[in-house]
């Protein structure tokens, strides 16, 4: 039996986590939520994750550092970065780190749906 794709959502803002988890579940995917990059690294089974949606700027470890750690652990998981601070240098850094997508908050839900759907099929 094939398992439903798992989308991990990492954001320090609980309202963002709840909203994104609801969106992901409406697509038929499993949503795992984490309040920090550190919690994700401690608790998640990387091999089960089909896509990561992470805020860039969080207390403690950034989304960029999280992405780097996942790669260093030997996993290639499509990562969508979201940020309230979409300066061009932030976008450039995300792209240089292999971002699957980059969205500025507030973003259009359809844009995120397209990225997640594409990542899962990837």
C-alpha atoms as a PDB file:
ATOM      1  CA  UNK A   1       0.000   0.000   0.000  1.00  0.00           C
ATOM      2  CA  UNK A   2       1.395   3.382  -1.026  1.00  0.00           C
ATOM      3  CA  UNK A   3       1.602   5.977   1.740  1.00  0.00           C
ATOM      4  CA  UNK A   4       0.276   9.504   1.343  1.00  0.00           C
ATOM      5  CA  UNK A   5       3.028  12.076   0.771  1.00  0.00           C
ATOM      6  CA  UNK A   6       4.275  13.839   3.901  1.00  0.00           C
ATOM      7  CA  UNK A   7       4.706  17.609   3.829  1.00  0.00           C
ATOM      8  CA  UNK A   8       6.715  19.044   6.739  1.00  0.00           C
ATOM      9  CA  UNK A   9       5.827  22.592   7.721  1.00  0.00           C
ATOM     10  CA  UNK A  10       8.327  24.515   9.851  1.00  0.00           C
ATOM     11  CA  UNK A  11       7.327  27.985  11.084  1.00  0.00           C
ATOM     12  CA  UNK A  12       7.538  29.676  14.473  1.00  0.00           C
ATOM     13  CA  UNK A  13       4.113  31.310  13.924  1.00  0.00           C
ATOM     14  CA  UNK A  14       1.408  28.907  15.104  1.00  0.00           C
ATOM     15  CA  UNK A  15      -1.281  30.521  12.908  1.00  0.00           C
ATOM     16  CA  UNK A  16       0.861  29.949   9.804  1.00  0.00           C
ATOM     17  CA  UNK A  17       1.480  26.307  10.800  1.00  0.00           C
ATOM     18  CA  UNK A  18      -2.231  25.674  11.357  1.00  0.00           C
ATOM     19  CA  UNK A  19      -3.268  27.342   8.087  1.00  0.00           C
ATOM     20  CA  UNK A  20      -0.627  25.555   6.017  1.00  0.00           C
ATOM     21  CA  UNK A  21      -1.380  22.190   7.640  1.00  0.00           C
ATOM     22  CA  UNK A  22      -5.061  22.630   6.800  1.00  0.00           C
ATOM     23  CA  UNK A  23      -4.186  23.487   3.188  1.00  0.00           C
ATOM     24  CA  UNK A  24      -1.859  20.484   2.880  1.00  0.00           C
ATOM     25  CA  UNK A  25      -4.460  18.102   4.331  1.00  0.00           C
ATOM     26  CA  UNK A  26      -7.095  19.461   1.922  1.00  0.00           C
ATOM     27  CA  UNK A  27      -4.816  18.241  -0.889  1.00  0.00           C
ATOM     28  CA  UNK A  28      -4.842  14.719   0.560  1.00  0.00           C
ATOM     29  CA  UNK A  29      -1.315  14.887   1.963  1.00  0.00           C
ATOM     30  CA  UNK A  30      -0.065  14.255   5.488  1.00  0.00           C
ATOM     31  CA  UNK A  31       1.039  17.434   7.302  1.00  0.00           C
ATOM     32  CA  UNK A  32       3.756  17.324   9.938  1.00  0.00           C
ATOM     33  CA  UNK A  33       4.220  20.650  11.725  1.00  0.00           C
ATOM     34  CA  UNK A  34       7.186  21.916  13.721  1.00  0.00           C
ATOM     35  CA  UNK A  35       7.657  25.184  15.595  1.00  0.00           C
ATOM     36  CA  UNK A  36      11.386  25.319  14.872  1.00  0.00           C
ATOM     37  CA  UNK A  37      14.087  23.947  12.621  1.00  0.00           C
ATOM     38  CA  UNK A  38      15.634  22.296  15.660  1.00  0.00           C
ATOM     39  CA  UNK A  39      12.386  20.438  16.433  1.00  0.00           C
ATOM     40  CA  UNK A  40      12.188  19.209  12.842  1.00  0.00           C
ATOM     41  CA  UNK A  41      15.786  17.959  12.923  1.00  0.00           C
ATOM     42  CA  UNK A  42      15.186  16.144  16.207  1.00  0.00           C
ATOM     43  CA  UNK A  43      11.804  14.604  15.440  1.00  0.00           C
ATOM     44  CA  UNK A  44      11.326  14.121  11.694  1.00  0.00           C
ATOM     45  CA  UNK A  45      12.066  10.999   9.686  1.00  0.00           C
ATOM     46  CA  UNK A  46      13.677  12.674   6.661  1.00  0.00           C
ATOM     47  CA  UNK A  47      13.214   9.591   4.489  1.00  0.00           C
ATOM     48  CA  UNK A  48       9.419   9.933   4.827  1.00  0.00           C
ATOM     49  CA  UNK A  49       9.232  13.613   3.875  1.00  0.00           C
ATOM     50  CA  UNK A  50       8.177  14.474   0.315  1.00  0.00           C
ATOM     51  CA  UNK A  51       8.468  18.262   0.674  1.00  0.00           C
ATOM     52  CA  UNK A  52       9.558  20.800   3.286  1.00  0.00           C
ATOM     53  CA  UNK A  53       7.833  24.174   3.610  1.00  0.00           C
ATOM     54  CA  UNK A  54       9.884  26.355   5.944  1.00  0.00           C
ATOM     55  CA  UNK A  55      10.013  29.920   7.102  1.00  0.00           C
ATOM     56  CA  UNK A  56      13.427  31.461   6.599  1.00  0.00           C
ATOM     57  CA  UNK A  57      13.653  33.724   9.634  1.00  0.00           C
ATOM     58  CA  UNK A  58      12.908  31.971  12.910  1.00  0.00           C
ATOM     59  CA  UNK A  59      14.373  32.181  16.398  1.00  0.00           C
ATOM     60  CA  UNK A  60      17.360  29.857  16.611  1.00  0.00           C
ATOM     61  CA  UNK A  61      18.170  28.070  13.374  1.00  0.00           C
ATOM     62  CA  UNK A  62      17.084  29.644  10.082  1.00  0.00           C
ATOM     63  CA  UNK A  63      15.346  27.859   7.247  1.00  0.00           C
ATOM     64  CA  UNK A  64      18.575  28.160   5.257  1.00  0.00           C
ATOM     65  CA  UNK A  65      20.560  26.338   7.954  1.00  0.00           C
ATOM     66  CA  UNK A  66      17.819  23.698   8.186  1.00  0.00           C
ATOM     67  CA  UNK A  67      18.050  23.072   4.440  1.00  0.00           C
ATOM     68  CA  UNK A  68      21.834  22.761   4.706  1.00  0.00           C
ATOM     69  CA  UNK A  69      21.558  20.256   7.582  1.00  0.00           C
ATOM     70  CA  UNK A  70      19.048  18.073   5.719  1.00  0.00           C
ATOM     71  CA  UNK A  71      21.388  17.974   2.713  1.00  0.00           C
ATOM     72  CA  UNK A  72      24.399  17.216   4.931  1.00  0.00           C
ATOM     73  CA  UNK A  73      22.434  14.266   6.331  1.00  0.00           C
ATOM     74  CA  UNK A  74      22.265  12.919   2.778  1.00  0.00           C
ATOM     75  CA  UNK A  75      18.655  13.720   1.911  1.00  0.00           C
ATOM     76  CA  UNK A  76      17.424  15.594  -1.135  1.00  0.00           C
ATOM     77  CA  UNK A  77      14.018  16.947  -0.120  1.00  0.00           C
ATOM     78  CA  UNK A  78      12.363  19.651  -2.242  1.00  0.00           C
ATOM     79  CA  UNK A  79      12.226  22.744  -0.021  1.00  0.00           C
ATOM     80  CA  UNK A  80       9.892  25.707  -0.369  1.00  0.00           C
ATOM     81  CA  UNK A  81      11.055  28.783   1.528  1.00  0.00           C
ATOM     82  CA  UNK A  82       8.522  31.309   2.803  1.00  0.00           C
ATOM     83  CA  UNK A  83       9.385  34.692   4.251  1.00  0.00           C
ATOM     84  CA  UNK A  84       7.899  37.993   5.358  1.00  0.00           C
ATOM     85  CA  UNK A  85      11.136  39.658   4.220  1.00  0.00           C
ATOM     86  CA  UNK A  86      11.412  38.945   0.465  1.00  0.00           C
ATOM     87  CA  UNK A  87      14.440  41.093  -0.318  1.00  0.00           C
ATOM     88  CA  UNK A  88      16.261  40.095  -3.487  1.00  0.00           C
ATOM     89  CA  UNK A  89      19.377  38.935  -1.614  1.00  0.00           C
ATOM     90  CA  UNK A  90      17.178  36.555   0.433  1.00  0.00           C
ATOM     91  CA  UNK A  91      15.657  35.125  -2.745  1.00  0.00           C
ATOM     92  CA  UNK A  92      19.133  34.781  -4.276  1.00  0.00           C
ATOM     93  CA  UNK A  93      20.394  32.932  -1.198  1.00  0.00           C
ATOM     94  CA  UNK A  94      17.391  30.582  -1.296  1.00  0.00           C
ATOM     95  CA  UNK A  95      17.974  29.834  -4.962  1.00  0.00           C
ATOM     96  CA  UNK A  96      21.706  29.328  -4.391  1.00  0.00           C
ATOM     97  CA  UNK A  97      20.809  26.795  -1.685  1.00  0.00           C
ATOM     98  CA  UNK A  98      18.710  24.804  -4.134  1.00  0.00           C
ATOM     99  CA  UNK A  99      15.264  26.105  -3.189  1.00  0.00           C
ATOM    100  CA  UNK A 100      12.408  24.344  -4.913  1.00  0.00           C
ATOM    101  CA  UNK A 101      10.339  27.475  -4.408  1.00  0.00           C
ATOM    102  CA  UNK A 102      10.344  30.882  -2.733  1.00  0.00           C
ATOM    103  CA  UNK A 103       7.194  32.689  -1.599  1.00  0.00           C
ATOM    104  CA  UNK A 104       6.748  36.050   0.115  1.00  0.00           C
ATOM    105  CA  UNK A 105       4.177  36.248   2.926  1.00  0.00           C
ATOM    106  CA  UNK A 106       1.335  36.751   2.460  1.00  0.00           C
ATOM    107  CA  UNK A 107       1.309  34.489  -0.568  1.00  0.00           C
ATOM    108  CA  UNK A 108      -1.355  33.081  -2.825  1.00  0.00           C
ATOM    109  CA  UNK A 109      -2.411  29.621  -1.661  1.00  0.00           C
ATOM    110  CA  UNK A 110      -2.574  28.435  -5.265  1.00  0.00           C
ATOM    111  CA  UNK A 111       1.123  29.246  -5.714  1.00  0.00           C
ATOM    112  CA  UNK A 112       2.004  27.050  -2.736  1.00  0.00           C
ATOM    113  CA  UNK A 113      -0.344  24.296  -3.903  1.00  0.00           C
ATOM    114  CA  UNK A 114       1.407  24.292  -7.289  1.00  0.00           C
ATOM    115  CA  UNK A 115       4.851  24.044  -5.703  1.00  0.00           C
ATOM    116  CA  UNK A 116       3.869  21.258  -3.280  1.00  0.00           C
ATOM    117  CA  UNK A 117       2.075  19.275  -5.994  1.00  0.00           C
ATOM    118  CA  UNK A 118       5.071  19.594  -8.296  1.00  0.00           C
ATOM    119  CA  UNK A 119       7.508  18.653  -5.490  1.00  0.00           C
ATOM    120  CA  UNK A 120       5.520  15.534  -4.598  1.00  0.00           C
ATOM    121  CA  UNK A 121       5.490  14.429  -8.237  1.00  0.00           C
ATOM    122  CA  UNK A 122       9.222  15.227  -8.503  1.00  0.00           C
END
